[in-house]
């Protein structure tokens, strides 16, 4: 289980630590009551259906570009 820690807020972003790296996450995707110092457990789960849909869309766009 991966942990994400909110370090601070800067404008519309939360500056967070995850696996020793600093990343920015839009505040709008966090729970509204999230605050500095909060720790979130993150479980990464593959959504194969969504992955396949995105691949199909990207492939279609590339085909359109090269047909032009």
N, C-alpha and C. Protein backbone atom coordinates (compact mmCIF):
# COMPACT_ATOMS: atom_id res chain seq x y z
N UNK A 1 0.85 -1.18 0.00
CA UNK A 1 0.00 0.00 0.00
C UNK A 1 0.89 1.24 0.00
N UNK A 2 0.64 2.13 -0.92
CA UNK A 2 1.41 3.37 -1.04
C UNK A 2 0.76 4.46 -0.21
N UNK A 3 1.59 5.30 0.41
CA UNK A 3 1.07 6.40 1.22
C UNK A 3 1.39 7.73 0.56
N UNK A 4 0.40 8.62 0.55
CA UNK A 4 0.54 9.98 0.04
C UNK A 4 0.35 10.92 1.22
N UNK A 5 1.29 11.83 1.42
CA UNK A 5 1.24 12.76 2.55
C UNK A 5 1.14 14.18 2.00
N UNK A 6 0.16 14.93 2.49
CA UNK A 6 0.02 16.34 2.07
C UNK A 6 1.02 17.17 2.87
N UNK A 7 1.94 17.81 2.17
CA UNK A 7 2.94 18.66 2.81
C UNK A 7 2.38 20.06 3.03
N UNK A 8 1.80 20.62 1.93
CA UNK A 8 1.27 21.99 2.02
C UNK A 8 0.37 22.25 0.81
N UNK A 9 -0.30 23.38 0.85
CA UNK A 9 -1.14 23.80 -0.26
C UNK A 9 -0.54 25.06 -0.89
N UNK A 10 -0.51 25.09 -2.21
CA UNK A 10 -0.05 26.26 -2.96
C UNK A 10 -1.06 26.52 -4.07
N UNK A 11 -1.78 27.62 -3.96
CA UNK A 11 -2.83 27.97 -4.91
C UNK A 11 -3.81 26.81 -5.05
N UNK A 12 -4.01 26.29 -6.28
CA UNK A 12 -5.00 25.22 -6.45
C UNK A 12 -4.39 23.82 -6.33
N UNK A 13 -3.14 23.75 -5.86
CA UNK A 13 -2.47 22.46 -5.75
C UNK A 13 -2.13 22.08 -4.32
N UNK A 14 -2.11 20.77 -4.08
CA UNK A 14 -1.58 20.22 -2.84
C UNK A 14 -0.19 19.68 -3.19
N UNK A 15 0.81 20.11 -2.45
CA UNK A 15 2.16 19.60 -2.64
C UNK A 15 2.27 18.38 -1.73
N UNK A 16 2.52 17.23 -2.35
CA UNK A 16 2.46 15.96 -1.61
C UNK A 16 3.74 15.17 -1.76
N UNK A 17 3.97 14.30 -0.78
CA UNK A 17 5.08 13.36 -0.85
C UNK A 17 4.51 11.97 -1.07
N UNK A 18 5.07 11.26 -2.03
CA UNK A 18 4.66 9.89 -2.30
C UNK A 18 5.92 9.11 -2.65
N UNK A 19 6.19 8.07 -1.90
CA UNK A 19 7.37 7.24 -2.13
C UNK A 19 8.65 8.08 -2.18
N UNK A 20 8.76 9.09 -1.32
CA UNK A 20 9.95 9.92 -1.25
C UNK A 20 10.06 10.98 -2.32
N UNK A 21 9.09 11.06 -3.22
CA UNK A 21 9.08 12.07 -4.29
C UNK A 21 8.03 13.13 -3.96
N UNK A 22 8.27 14.34 -4.43
CA UNK A 22 7.31 15.44 -4.25
C UNK A 22 6.52 15.58 -5.55
N UNK A 23 5.19 15.61 -5.42
CA UNK A 23 4.32 15.79 -6.58
C UNK A 23 3.25 16.83 -6.25
N UNK A 24 2.69 17.44 -7.27
CA UNK A 24 1.57 18.37 -7.11
C UNK A 24 0.30 17.69 -7.56
N UNK A 25 -0.74 17.82 -6.76
CA UNK A 25 -2.04 17.26 -7.09
C UNK A 25 -3.07 18.38 -6.96
N UNK A 26 -3.98 18.46 -7.93
CA UNK A 26 -5.03 19.47 -7.83
C UNK A 26 -5.85 19.23 -6.56
N UNK A 27 -6.11 20.31 -5.85
CA UNK A 27 -6.91 20.21 -4.62
C UNK A 27 -8.27 19.60 -4.90
N UNK A 28 -8.80 19.87 -6.09
CA UNK A 28 -10.16 19.44 -6.42
C UNK A 28 -10.33 17.92 -6.42
N UNK A 29 -9.24 17.15 -6.54
CA UNK A 29 -9.37 15.69 -6.53
C UNK A 29 -9.24 15.10 -5.13
N UNK A 30 -8.88 15.92 -4.17
CA UNK A 30 -8.76 15.46 -2.78
C UNK A 30 -10.08 15.66 -2.03
N UNK A 31 -10.28 14.92 -0.95
CA UNK A 31 -11.47 15.18 -0.13
C UNK A 31 -11.47 16.64 0.35
N UNK A 32 -12.64 17.23 0.43
CA UNK A 32 -12.74 18.66 0.75
C UNK A 32 -12.15 19.01 2.12
N UNK A 33 -12.11 18.06 3.03
CA UNK A 33 -11.58 18.33 4.38
C UNK A 33 -10.09 18.00 4.52
N UNK A 34 -9.43 17.66 3.41
CA UNK A 34 -8.00 17.32 3.47
C UNK A 34 -7.20 18.51 3.95
N UNK A 35 -6.20 18.23 4.79
CA UNK A 35 -5.38 19.30 5.33
C UNK A 35 -3.91 18.88 5.39
N UNK A 36 -3.05 19.85 5.62
CA UNK A 36 -1.62 19.58 5.70
C UNK A 36 -1.35 18.51 6.75
N UNK A 37 -0.48 17.57 6.40
CA UNK A 37 -0.13 16.49 7.32
C UNK A 37 -0.97 15.25 7.18
N UNK A 38 -2.10 15.34 6.47
CA UNK A 38 -2.95 14.16 6.28
C UNK A 38 -2.20 13.11 5.46
N UNK A 39 -2.44 11.85 5.80
CA UNK A 39 -1.83 10.72 5.10
C UNK A 39 -2.94 9.90 4.46
N UNK A 40 -2.80 9.62 3.17
CA UNK A 40 -3.78 8.82 2.45
C UNK A 40 -3.14 7.53 1.98
N UNK A 41 -3.86 6.43 2.13
CA UNK A 41 -3.42 5.15 1.59
C UNK A 41 -3.93 5.04 0.16
N UNK A 42 -3.03 4.67 -0.74
CA UNK A 42 -3.39 4.57 -2.16
C UNK A 42 -3.19 3.14 -2.61
N UNK A 43 -4.23 2.59 -3.18
CA UNK A 43 -4.15 1.24 -3.74
C UNK A 43 -4.29 1.37 -5.25
N UNK A 44 -3.27 0.97 -5.98
CA UNK A 44 -3.30 1.06 -7.43
C UNK A 44 -3.95 -0.19 -7.99
N UNK A 45 -5.04 0.01 -8.72
CA UNK A 45 -5.77 -1.10 -9.32
C UNK A 45 -5.94 -0.81 -10.80
N UNK A 46 -5.52 -1.74 -11.64
CA UNK A 46 -5.61 -1.56 -13.08
C UNK A 46 -7.06 -1.66 -13.55
N UNK A 47 -7.51 -0.68 -14.32
CA UNK A 47 -8.83 -0.70 -14.94
C UNK A 47 -8.60 -1.05 -16.41
N UNK A 48 -8.62 -2.34 -16.72
CA UNK A 48 -8.29 -2.80 -18.06
C UNK A 48 -9.28 -2.28 -19.10
N UNK A 49 -10.56 -2.19 -18.75
CA UNK A 49 -11.55 -1.68 -19.70
C UNK A 49 -11.25 -0.24 -20.09
N UNK A 50 -10.96 0.60 -19.11
CA UNK A 50 -10.65 2.00 -19.38
C UNK A 50 -9.35 2.12 -20.17
N UNK A 51 -8.37 1.30 -19.83
CA UNK A 51 -7.10 1.29 -20.56
C UNK A 51 -7.34 0.97 -22.03
N UNK A 52 -8.13 -0.06 -22.28
CA UNK A 52 -8.42 -0.45 -23.67
C UNK A 52 -9.16 0.65 -24.42
N UNK A 53 -10.12 1.31 -23.78
CA UNK A 53 -10.86 2.40 -24.42
C UNK A 53 -9.92 3.53 -24.82
N UNK A 54 -9.02 3.89 -23.90
CA UNK A 54 -8.09 4.98 -24.18
C UNK A 54 -7.14 4.63 -25.32
N UNK A 55 -6.70 3.37 -25.37
CA UNK A 55 -5.83 2.92 -26.46
C UNK A 55 -6.57 3.01 -27.80
N UNK A 56 -7.84 2.62 -27.82
CA UNK A 56 -8.63 2.68 -29.05
C UNK A 56 -8.80 4.12 -29.52
N UNK A 57 -9.07 5.01 -28.61
CA UNK A 57 -9.23 6.43 -28.96
C UNK A 57 -7.93 6.99 -29.53
N UNK A 58 -6.81 6.70 -28.85
CA UNK A 58 -5.51 7.19 -29.32
C UNK A 58 -5.18 6.62 -30.70
N UNK A 59 -5.45 5.35 -30.89
CA UNK A 59 -5.18 4.70 -32.17
C UNK A 59 -6.02 5.34 -33.28
N UNK A 60 -7.28 5.61 -32.99
CA UNK A 60 -8.16 6.26 -33.96
C UNK A 60 -7.66 7.64 -34.34
N UNK A 61 -7.19 8.40 -33.36
CA UNK A 61 -6.67 9.74 -33.64
C UNK A 61 -5.42 9.67 -34.51
N UNK A 62 -4.54 8.73 -34.20
CA UNK A 62 -3.33 8.58 -35.02
C UNK A 62 -3.67 8.18 -36.45
N UNK A 63 -4.62 7.28 -36.59
CA UNK A 63 -5.04 6.87 -37.94
C UNK A 63 -5.59 8.05 -38.71
N UNK A 64 -6.37 8.90 -38.06
CA UNK A 64 -6.92 10.10 -38.72
C UNK A 64 -5.81 11.05 -39.15
N UNK A 65 -4.81 11.20 -38.33
CA UNK A 65 -3.70 12.12 -38.66
C UNK A 65 -2.95 11.61 -39.89
N UNK A 66 -2.65 10.32 -39.91
CA UNK A 66 -1.85 9.79 -41.01
C UNK A 66 -2.64 9.59 -42.30
N UNK A 67 -3.95 9.58 -42.22
CA UNK A 67 -4.79 9.50 -43.43
C UNK A 67 -4.89 10.85 -44.12
N UNK A 68 -4.67 11.92 -43.36
CA UNK A 68 -4.81 13.28 -43.92
C UNK A 68 -3.70 13.65 -44.85
